[in-house]
Amino acid sequence: MADPVVIVAGTFDTKWQELSYLQDTIKNAGVAVQTVDLSTTNKASRADVSPQLIAAHHPEGVEAVFTGDRGTAVAGMALAFKLWAKQNVESIGGMISAGGSGGTALATPALQTLPIGTPKIMVSTVASGNVEPYVGPSDIMMMYSVTDVQGLNTISRKVLGNAAAAMAGAVLHAPAVVNDVNEKPGLGMTMFGVTTAAVQLVIEKSKDEYEPFVFHATGVGGRSMEKLADGGFFKAVVDLTTTEICDMLFGGVFAADEDRFGSIIRQKVPYVGSVGALDMVNFGAPPTVPAKYADRLFYEHNPQVTLMRTTPDENAQMGEWIAGRLNQMDGPVRFLLPLGGVSALDAPDMPFNDDKARASLFDAIRSNFTETNDRRLIEVPHHINSAEFSDAVVQALHDIS
C-alpha cells in the first residue's frame, strides 16, 4: 500500500453485503478503501487482500489458520491479521470491521495494534456487553449493531452507514498536528478518585517541565499507560496509584494483569511510584461482592462501585509482589511510601484508616525491596494527598529525569 487508506476487514464469505456497504459508503465520501478478507474457509475471495495472503503472516504458516476447526482457525487468523496490521501500520489510515462474536474476535486484535489516534471502529453484536477483551488499552470505537450482522435491512443500513460516515469523517477531518517548539516531554501518571489530590498537586508543581497524561487506574487504564510507555511516549512515569494490584490479587473488577510494571522493566523509563489506593479492592454493586468476603469492611463509593478494605495479610502479599517487580527495574526508580495514609479513605477519622494494614504493606515492601544506586525506597511521613508528599514526588522526579 502507498498512501494511507481505510481498511475494511471481515469475513467476506459470510458478510460480503455488509462489508461492501461499508466500503462503498466510505469510498463515496472520498476516502480510499482497501478490503481485507478474514474468512477461515480457505476459499477464493472477492476482497483486495485475500485470506490466504493474511494467513501467510502466521508464524506457523497458512496451515495454522485453515485448520478446519472454527476455534483454532479464528485464533490463527486473528494472530495472522494482527501481524499483517503491524507490518502495514504506516499505510493504514483507519480500520473498520463488522461481525458477530467470531468476527469481533478476528478483527479487534489487529485494531488494538494500531497507534492511538488512528481511527478504528468495530460494529459488533457483542458491543453492548463487556467489551474490555476487545478494546483493551486502545481507542477502538465499539458500535452495537442492534440487529445481527446478517444481511442488509433498514436498521443495519443506518447503523453501518453511521459507522462508515464516522470513519470517513475521522479520516477527512483529522485534527491538525501542531509542532510546538515549546512542546513539553510527556509524563505518564495514574490516578483514582481517592488519589486525585496527590496527582493534581504533582501536576501543578511540574507543569512547567512536563505535559501530564493521566490514566484512570481501572485495570485497562494502567495497561493503556504502559502501552504508551512501551512505545516511548513518556520521558518519565509517576505511578502513584497502583491499586490495580489489589484487584488482580483478590478478585476485584479493576484488575491489572501480571505484566503490570512490565513496560518500565523493558524500557527502563524513569519511574516514580507509590502505593496509592492499595487500601481497597473494587467490586460492582453490593450484590456482586463474592460471598467469601461477606464479613469484610465495605464502603459504597457509588451505587455501582463497592470498595472493600484490604487486610494486613493482603497488604503483605501486595507489598511482596510489588517489591519483586520493582527489583526487576534497571532504570532509575524512586518508590515512595506515604506513611500517613495511602488514599483519601485511609486517613484519620476516615472509614479505611488502618495502622496495622499500612504497616504490613510498608514492612513487606521494605523487607523485599533491593536498593541500588538507581533504585531507591523513600519514606515520607505524610499522607499521600498532602502537599509534603507531592513535594517529595516532584523532588524524586527531578532526581531521575
Protein backbone atom coordinates (compact mmCIF):
# COMPACT_ATOMS: atom_id res chain seq x y z
CA MET A 1 0.00 0.00 0.00
CA ALA A 2 1.20 3.52 -0.79
CA ASP A 3 -0.90 6.39 0.54
CA PRO A 4 -2.81 5.75 3.79
CA VAL A 5 -6.14 4.05 3.18
CA VAL A 6 -9.03 2.80 5.28
CA ILE A 7 -9.05 -0.96 5.74
CA VAL A 8 -12.46 -2.66 5.66
CA ALA A 9 -11.81 -6.07 7.18
CA GLY A 10 -14.03 -9.04 7.92
CA THR A 11 -15.26 -12.42 6.82
CA PHE A 12 -16.22 -11.71 3.22
CA ASP A 13 -17.50 -15.24 2.72
CA THR A 14 -20.43 -14.59 5.11
CA LYS A 15 -20.54 -10.78 5.49
CA TRP A 16 -19.98 -9.68 1.89
CA GLN A 17 -23.07 -7.46 1.74
CA GLU A 18 -22.40 -5.61 4.98
CA LEU A 19 -18.66 -5.13 4.39
CA SER A 20 -19.23 -3.98 0.81
CA TYR A 21 -21.78 -1.49 2.09
CA LEU A 22 -19.15 -0.09 4.45
CA GLN A 23 -16.64 0.01 1.59
CA ASP A 24 -18.98 1.83 -0.80
CA THR A 25 -20.14 4.36 1.79
CA ILE A 26 -16.60 5.27 2.79
CA LYS A 27 -15.44 5.42 -0.83
CA ASN A 28 -18.39 7.65 -1.78
CA ALA A 29 -17.27 10.08 0.90
CA GLY A 30 -13.98 10.48 -0.94
CA VAL A 31 -11.75 8.20 1.11
CA ALA A 32 -9.54 5.46 -0.34
CA VAL A 33 -10.51 1.96 0.80
CA GLN A 34 -8.90 -1.46 0.74
CA THR A 35 -10.80 -4.62 1.64
CA VAL A 36 -9.21 -7.45 3.62
CA ASP A 37 -10.81 -10.89 3.84
CA LEU A 38 -10.52 -12.70 7.20
CA SER A 39 -12.55 -15.74 6.18
CA THR A 40 -11.26 -19.03 7.55
CA THR A 41 -12.76 -21.33 4.90
CA ASN A 42 -9.77 -21.07 2.52
CA LYS A 43 -11.96 -20.24 -0.49
CA ALA A 44 -11.39 -17.77 -3.33
CA SER A 45 -12.05 -14.18 -2.27
CA ARG A 46 -13.54 -11.04 -3.79
CA ALA A 47 -11.62 -8.75 -1.44
CA ASP A 48 -8.49 -6.78 -2.36
CA VAL A 49 -6.41 -8.78 0.13
CA SER A 50 -7.19 -12.49 0.25
CA PRO A 51 -7.43 -14.58 3.41
CA GLN A 52 -4.59 -16.73 2.08
CA LEU A 53 -2.29 -13.70 1.98
CA ILE A 54 -3.27 -12.76 5.55
CA ALA A 55 -2.87 -16.36 6.77
CA ALA A 56 0.67 -16.43 5.38
CA HIS A 57 1.65 -13.98 8.10
CA HIS A 58 1.04 -16.57 10.81
CA PRO A 59 4.38 -17.67 12.34
CA GLU A 60 3.50 -21.31 11.59
CA GLY A 61 2.18 -20.66 8.09
CA VAL A 62 -1.24 -20.96 6.49
CA GLU A 63 -1.76 -24.46 7.88
CA ALA A 64 -2.09 -22.95 11.34
CA VAL A 65 -5.05 -20.88 10.12
CA PHE A 66 -7.01 -23.14 7.77
CA THR A 67 -7.36 -25.98 10.26
CA GLY A 68 -10.96 -26.93 9.60
CA ASP A 69 -11.75 -26.28 13.26
CA ARG A 70 -13.56 -22.99 13.86
CA GLY A 71 -11.94 -22.20 17.20
CA THR A 72 -8.32 -22.73 16.17
CA ALA A 73 -8.96 -21.19 12.75
CA VAL A 74 -10.34 -17.97 14.24
CA ALA A 75 -7.46 -17.75 16.72
CA GLY A 76 -4.94 -18.38 13.96
CA MET A 77 -6.43 -15.82 11.58
CA ALA A 78 -6.68 -13.23 14.36
CA LEU A 79 -2.96 -13.60 15.05
CA ALA A 80 -2.06 -13.51 11.36
CA PHE A 81 -4.14 -10.37 10.79
CA LYS A 82 -2.60 -8.71 13.83
CA LEU A 83 0.88 -9.35 12.43
CA TRP A 84 -0.20 -8.14 8.98
CA ALA A 85 -1.52 -4.92 10.52
CA LYS A 86 1.74 -4.37 12.39
CA GLN A 87 3.68 -4.80 9.18
CA ASN A 88 1.49 -2.31 7.30
CA VAL A 89 0.77 0.16 10.11
CA GLU A 90 2.37 3.14 8.36
CA SER A 91 -0.01 2.93 5.42
CA ILE A 92 -3.22 2.32 7.38
CA GLY A 93 -5.26 5.50 7.70
CA GLY A 94 -8.08 3.79 9.57
CA MET A 95 -9.66 0.37 10.07
CA ILE A 96 -13.28 -0.73 10.33
CA SER A 97 -14.94 -4.11 10.66
CA ALA A 98 -18.35 -5.62 11.30
CA GLY A 99 -19.33 -9.01 12.63
CA GLY A 100 -20.63 -11.20 15.40
CA SER A 101 -18.60 -12.62 18.26
CA GLY A 102 -16.30 -14.51 15.90
CA GLY A 103 -15.79 -11.56 13.57
CA THR A 104 -15.14 -9.29 16.53
CA ALA A 105 -12.53 -11.70 17.88
CA LEU A 106 -10.90 -11.84 14.42
CA ALA A 107 -10.59 -8.10 13.87
CA THR A 108 -10.02 -6.44 17.23
CA PRO A 109 -6.51 -7.77 17.99
CA ALA A 110 -5.32 -6.00 14.84
CA LEU A 111 -7.30 -2.88 15.72
CA GLN A 112 -5.56 -2.83 19.10
CA THR A 113 -2.13 -2.76 17.45
CA LEU A 114 -2.83 0.48 15.58
CA PRO A 115 -1.47 3.68 17.12
CA ILE A 116 -3.60 5.78 19.44
CA GLY A 117 -5.41 8.30 17.24
CA THR A 118 -5.68 6.13 14.14
CA PRO A 119 -9.48 5.78 13.61
CA LYS A 120 -10.66 2.27 14.43
CA ILE A 121 -14.30 1.11 14.53
CA MET A 122 -15.85 -2.27 15.29
CA VAL A 123 -19.56 -2.75 14.54
CA SER A 124 -20.47 -5.78 16.61
CA THR A 125 -23.34 -7.80 18.00
CA VAL A 126 -21.48 -8.00 21.33
CA ALA A 127 -20.74 -4.28 21.66
CA SER A 128 -23.37 -3.68 24.34
CA GLY A 129 -21.79 -6.17 26.76
CA ASN A 130 -18.34 -6.40 28.31
CA VAL A 131 -16.10 -5.01 25.57
CA GLU A 132 -12.87 -4.86 27.58
CA PRO A 133 -11.41 -8.01 25.98
CA TYR A 134 -11.96 -6.48 22.54
CA VAL A 135 -10.97 -2.87 23.22
CA GLY A 136 -8.11 -3.46 25.65
CA PRO A 137 -5.82 -0.44 26.13
CA SER A 138 -6.73 1.11 22.77
CA ASP A 139 -9.15 3.73 21.44
CA ILE A 140 -11.39 1.39 19.46
CA MET A 141 -14.93 2.67 18.91
CA MET A 142 -17.35 -0.20 19.54
CA MET A 143 -20.75 0.26 17.90
CA TYR A 144 -23.63 -2.09 18.72
CA SER A 145 -25.17 -3.49 15.55
CA VAL A 146 -28.70 -3.80 17.08
CA THR A 147 -29.71 -6.49 14.57
CA ASP A 148 -27.37 -9.34 13.77
CA VAL A 149 -24.74 -8.67 11.13
CA GLN A 150 -26.58 -10.84 8.66
CA GLY A 151 -27.79 -9.08 5.56
CA LEU A 152 -28.90 -5.50 4.96
CA ASN A 153 -32.17 -4.05 6.21
CA THR A 154 -33.49 -0.65 7.23
CA ILE A 155 -31.81 -0.90 10.65
CA SER A 156 -28.46 -2.36 9.61
CA ARG A 157 -28.10 0.18 6.79
CA LYS A 158 -28.47 3.01 9.29
CA VAL A 159 -26.05 1.53 11.82
CA LEU A 160 -23.44 0.53 9.26
CA GLY A 161 -23.93 3.83 7.43
CA ASN A 162 -23.28 5.77 10.64
CA ALA A 163 -20.14 3.72 11.30
CA ALA A 164 -18.87 4.30 7.75
CA ALA A 165 -19.63 8.02 7.97
CA ALA A 166 -17.83 8.22 11.32
CA MET A 167 -14.77 6.57 9.79
CA ALA A 168 -14.79 8.80 6.73
CA GLY A 169 -15.24 11.89 8.88
CA ALA A 170 -12.39 10.91 11.19
CA VAL A 171 -10.06 10.45 8.22
CA LEU A 172 -11.15 13.54 6.28
CA HIS A 173 -11.23 15.84 9.28
CA ALA A 174 -8.34 14.58 11.37
CA PRO A 175 -7.11 17.16 13.90
CA ALA A 176 -4.15 19.14 12.64
CA VAL A 177 -0.81 18.14 14.14
CA VAL A 178 0.77 21.21 15.68
CA ASN A 179 4.55 21.11 16.01
CA ASP A 180 5.10 23.33 19.00
CA VAL A 181 8.74 24.23 19.56
CA ASN A 182 7.85 24.65 23.24
CA GLU A 183 6.27 21.18 23.47
CA LYS A 184 6.99 19.57 26.80
CA PRO A 185 8.01 15.93 27.29
CA GLY A 186 5.23 13.55 28.29
CA LEU A 187 4.68 12.41 31.86
CA GLY A 188 2.55 9.29 32.38
CA MET A 189 0.52 9.32 35.60
CA THR A 190 -2.03 7.06 37.31
CA MET A 191 -4.95 8.36 39.37
CA PHE A 192 -8.03 7.20 41.26
CA GLY A 193 -10.68 9.40 42.85
CA VAL A 194 -9.06 8.84 46.24
CA THR A 195 -5.63 9.96 44.98
CA THR A 196 -6.82 12.85 42.83
CA ALA A 197 -5.46 15.49 45.22
CA ALA A 198 -1.98 13.96 45.09
CA VAL A 199 -1.91 13.83 41.30
CA GLN A 200 -3.27 17.35 40.92
CA LEU A 201 -0.58 18.71 43.26
CA VAL A 202 2.17 16.96 41.31
CA ILE A 203 0.79 18.26 38.01
CA GLU A 204 0.69 21.80 39.34
CA LYS A 205 4.26 21.60 40.61
CA SER A 206 5.68 20.04 37.44
CA LYS A 207 3.57 21.76 34.76
CA ASP A 208 6.41 23.95 33.52
CA GLU A 209 8.53 20.88 32.73
CA TYR A 210 6.09 18.16 31.62
CA GLU A 211 2.86 17.57 29.74
CA PRO A 212 0.83 15.26 32.00
CA PHE A 213 -1.11 12.27 30.67
CA VAL A 214 -3.33 10.95 33.46
CA PHE A 215 -4.77 7.43 33.33
CA HIS A 216 -7.66 6.20 35.48
CA ALA A 217 -6.38 3.17 37.40
CA THR A 218 -9.18 0.84 36.33
CA GLY A 219 -7.06 -2.05 35.07
CA VAL A 220 -7.28 -1.07 31.44
CA GLY A 221 -6.12 2.42 32.42
CA GLY A 222 -2.83 1.08 33.71
CA ARG A 223 -2.42 -1.06 30.61
CA SER A 224 -3.07 1.97 28.42
CA MET A 225 -0.34 3.91 30.18
CA GLU A 226 2.09 1.03 29.88
CA LYS A 227 1.29 0.53 26.19
CA LEU A 228 2.29 4.13 25.54
CA ALA A 229 5.35 3.78 27.76
CA ASP A 230 6.39 0.75 25.70
CA GLY A 231 6.12 2.96 22.63
CA GLY A 232 8.48 5.58 24.08
CA PHE A 233 5.72 8.14 24.56
CA PHE A 234 6.82 9.32 28.02
CA LYS A 235 10.02 10.80 29.32
CA ALA A 236 9.06 9.60 32.80
CA VAL A 237 6.22 7.91 34.68
CA VAL A 238 4.71 8.98 38.02
CA ASP A 239 2.74 5.90 39.01
CA LEU A 240 1.24 6.98 42.33
CA THR A 241 -1.89 4.82 42.08
CA THR A 242 -1.02 1.13 41.91
CA THR A 243 -4.44 0.00 43.20
CA GLU A 244 -4.96 -2.32 40.21
CA ILE A 245 -2.67 -4.77 42.03
CA CYS A 246 -5.35 -5.17 44.75
CA ASP A 247 -7.95 -6.22 42.24
CA MET A 248 -5.59 -8.53 40.38
CA LEU A 249 -4.63 -10.45 43.52
CA PHE A 250 -8.00 -10.51 45.26
CA GLY A 251 -10.62 -10.70 42.53
CA GLY A 252 -11.68 -7.09 42.03
CA VAL A 253 -13.13 -5.65 38.85
CA PHE A 254 -10.36 -3.14 38.06
CA ALA A 255 -7.54 -5.65 37.87
CA ALA A 256 -4.09 -5.26 36.41
CA ASP A 257 -2.54 -8.21 34.63
CA GLU A 258 0.72 -9.96 35.50
CA ASP A 259 2.61 -7.57 33.23
CA ARG A 260 1.94 -4.55 35.46
CA PHE A 261 5.18 -2.51 35.54
CA GLY A 262 6.39 -4.53 32.54
CA SER A 263 6.90 -1.51 30.30
CA ILE A 264 9.06 0.14 32.95
CA ILE A 265 11.14 -3.02 33.24
CA ARG A 266 11.53 -3.36 29.47
CA GLN A 267 12.06 0.27 28.51
CA LYS A 268 13.87 1.47 31.65
CA VAL A 269 11.66 4.55 31.74
CA PRO A 270 12.50 6.85 34.69
CA TYR A 271 9.93 5.82 37.28
CA VAL A 272 8.46 7.35 40.43
CA GLY A 273 5.91 5.05 42.06
CA SER A 274 3.85 4.72 45.21
CA VAL A 275 1.12 2.69 46.90
CA GLY A 276 -1.93 4.83 46.16
CA ALA A 277 -5.30 3.18 46.91
CA LEU A 278 -3.81 -0.17 47.94
CA ASP A 279 -6.29 0.02 50.81
CA MET A 280 -9.17 -1.09 48.58
CA VAL A 281 -10.45 -3.82 46.30
CA ASN A 282 -13.13 -2.70 43.82
CA PHE A 283 -16.34 -4.59 43.17
CA GLY A 284 -19.59 -3.66 41.44
CA ALA A 285 -22.91 -3.12 43.20
CA PRO A 286 -23.14 -4.81 46.66
CA PRO A 287 -24.83 -7.98 45.35
CA THR A 288 -21.79 -8.66 43.12
CA VAL A 289 -19.33 -8.95 46.02
CA PRO A 290 -18.17 -12.58 46.40
CA ALA A 291 -19.79 -14.39 49.32
CA LYS A 292 -16.41 -15.23 50.84
CA TYR A 293 -15.95 -11.53 51.65
CA ALA A 294 -19.28 -11.14 53.46
CA ASP A 295 -17.72 -10.22 56.82
CA ARG A 296 -15.35 -7.58 55.48
CA LEU A 297 -15.35 -3.78 55.81
CA PHE A 298 -17.01 -2.09 52.81
CA TYR A 299 -17.58 1.44 51.59
CA GLU A 300 -20.11 2.34 48.90
CA HIS A 301 -18.25 4.63 46.52
CA ASN A 302 -21.37 4.92 44.35
CA PRO A 303 -24.29 2.56 43.56
CA GLN A 304 -22.17 0.68 41.01
CA VAL A 305 -18.83 0.58 42.87
CA THR A 306 -18.30 -1.09 46.26
CA LEU A 307 -14.90 -0.78 47.94
CA MET A 308 -13.50 -3.41 50.32
CA ARG A 309 -10.75 -2.58 52.80
CA THR A 310 -7.64 -4.72 52.37
CA THR A 311 -6.41 -6.65 55.40
CA PRO A 312 -2.87 -6.76 56.87
CA ASP A 313 -2.31 -10.18 55.27
CA GLU A 314 -3.46 -8.94 51.86
CA ASN A 315 -1.23 -5.89 52.20
CA ALA A 316 1.75 -8.13 52.93
CA GLN A 317 1.02 -10.11 49.75
CA MET A 318 0.77 -6.93 47.69
CA GLY A 319 3.95 -5.50 49.16
CA GLU A 320 5.90 -8.64 48.34
CA TRP A 321 4.53 -8.75 44.76
CA ILE A 322 5.26 -5.08 44.11
CA ALA A 323 8.78 -5.26 45.52
CA GLY A 324 9.51 -8.24 43.31
CA ARG A 325 8.54 -6.26 40.22
CA LEU A 326 10.43 -3.17 41.34
CA ASN A 327 13.56 -5.27 41.75
CA GLN A 328 13.39 -6.13 38.04
CA MET A 329 13.63 -2.45 37.06
CA ASP A 330 17.13 -1.48 35.93
CA GLY A 331 16.29 2.11 35.04
CA PRO A 332 16.14 4.98 37.53
CA VAL A 333 13.49 4.23 40.17
CA ARG A 334 12.18 6.03 43.24
CA PHE A 335 9.38 4.33 45.15
CA LEU A 336 7.69 6.41 47.85
CA LEU A 337 5.87 5.18 50.95
CA PRO A 338 3.34 7.72 52.34
CA LEU A 339 3.40 6.70 55.98
CA GLY A 340 0.39 8.86 56.83
CA GLY A 341 -2.05 7.00 54.57
CA VAL A 342 -2.45 5.70 51.03
CA SER A 343 -5.82 7.17 49.98
CA ALA A 344 -8.49 9.68 50.91
CA LEU A 345 -10.29 6.87 52.77
CA ASP A 346 -7.14 5.77 54.59
CA ALA A 347 -6.75 8.79 56.83
CA PRO A 348 -7.62 9.76 60.42
CA ASP A 349 -11.38 9.60 61.06
CA MET A 350 -11.97 8.01 57.66
CA PRO A 351 -13.52 4.52 57.18
CA PHE A 352 -10.41 2.73 55.87
CA ASN A 353 -7.92 4.14 58.38
CA ASP A 354 -5.92 1.08 59.50
CA ASP A 355 -2.44 1.39 61.03
CA LYS A 356 -1.85 -2.37 61.00
CA ALA A 357 -2.73 -2.78 57.35
CA ARG A 358 -0.46 0.10 56.35
CA ALA A 359 2.39 -1.22 58.47
CA SER A 360 2.04 -4.66 56.91
CA LEU A 361 2.24 -3.16 53.41
CA PHE A 362 5.24 -0.99 54.18
CA ASP A 363 7.11 -3.76 56.03
CA ALA A 364 6.62 -6.19 53.14
CA ILE A 365 7.98 -3.68 50.64
CA ARG A 366 10.93 -2.77 52.87
CA SER A 367 11.92 -6.37 53.53
CA ASN A 368 11.69 -7.45 49.87
CA PHE A 369 12.98 -4.33 48.11
CA THR A 370 16.56 -4.45 46.80
CA GLU A 371 18.07 -0.99 46.85
CA THR A 372 20.74 0.10 44.36
CA ASN A 373 22.24 3.40 43.29
CA ASP A 374 19.43 3.78 40.74
CA ARG A 375 16.62 2.08 42.64
CA ARG A 376 15.68 3.70 45.94
CA LEU A 377 12.93 3.45 48.52
CA ILE A 378 11.84 6.76 50.05
CA GLU A 379 9.69 7.01 53.18
CA VAL A 380 7.59 10.16 53.56
CA PRO A 381 6.00 10.80 56.99
CA HIS A 382 2.86 12.32 55.46
CA HIS A 383 -0.39 11.31 53.77
CA ILE A 384 -0.35 10.61 50.03
CA ASN A 385 -2.65 13.57 49.32
CA SER A 386 -0.58 16.06 51.33
CA ALA A 387 1.46 18.91 49.93
CA GLU A 388 4.54 17.46 51.58
CA PHE A 389 4.17 14.17 49.78
CA SER A 390 3.75 15.88 46.40
CA ASP A 391 6.92 17.85 47.12
CA ALA A 392 8.75 14.58 47.69
CA VAL A 393 7.36 13.15 44.43
CA VAL A 394 8.47 16.16 42.40
CA GLN A 395 11.92 16.06 44.02
CA ALA A 396 12.22 12.37 43.17
CA LEU A 397 11.18 13.12 39.59
CA HIS A 398 13.89 15.77 39.32
CA ASP A 399 16.45 13.33 40.69
CA ILE A 400 15.87 10.72 37.96
CA SER A 401 14.95 12.70 34.86
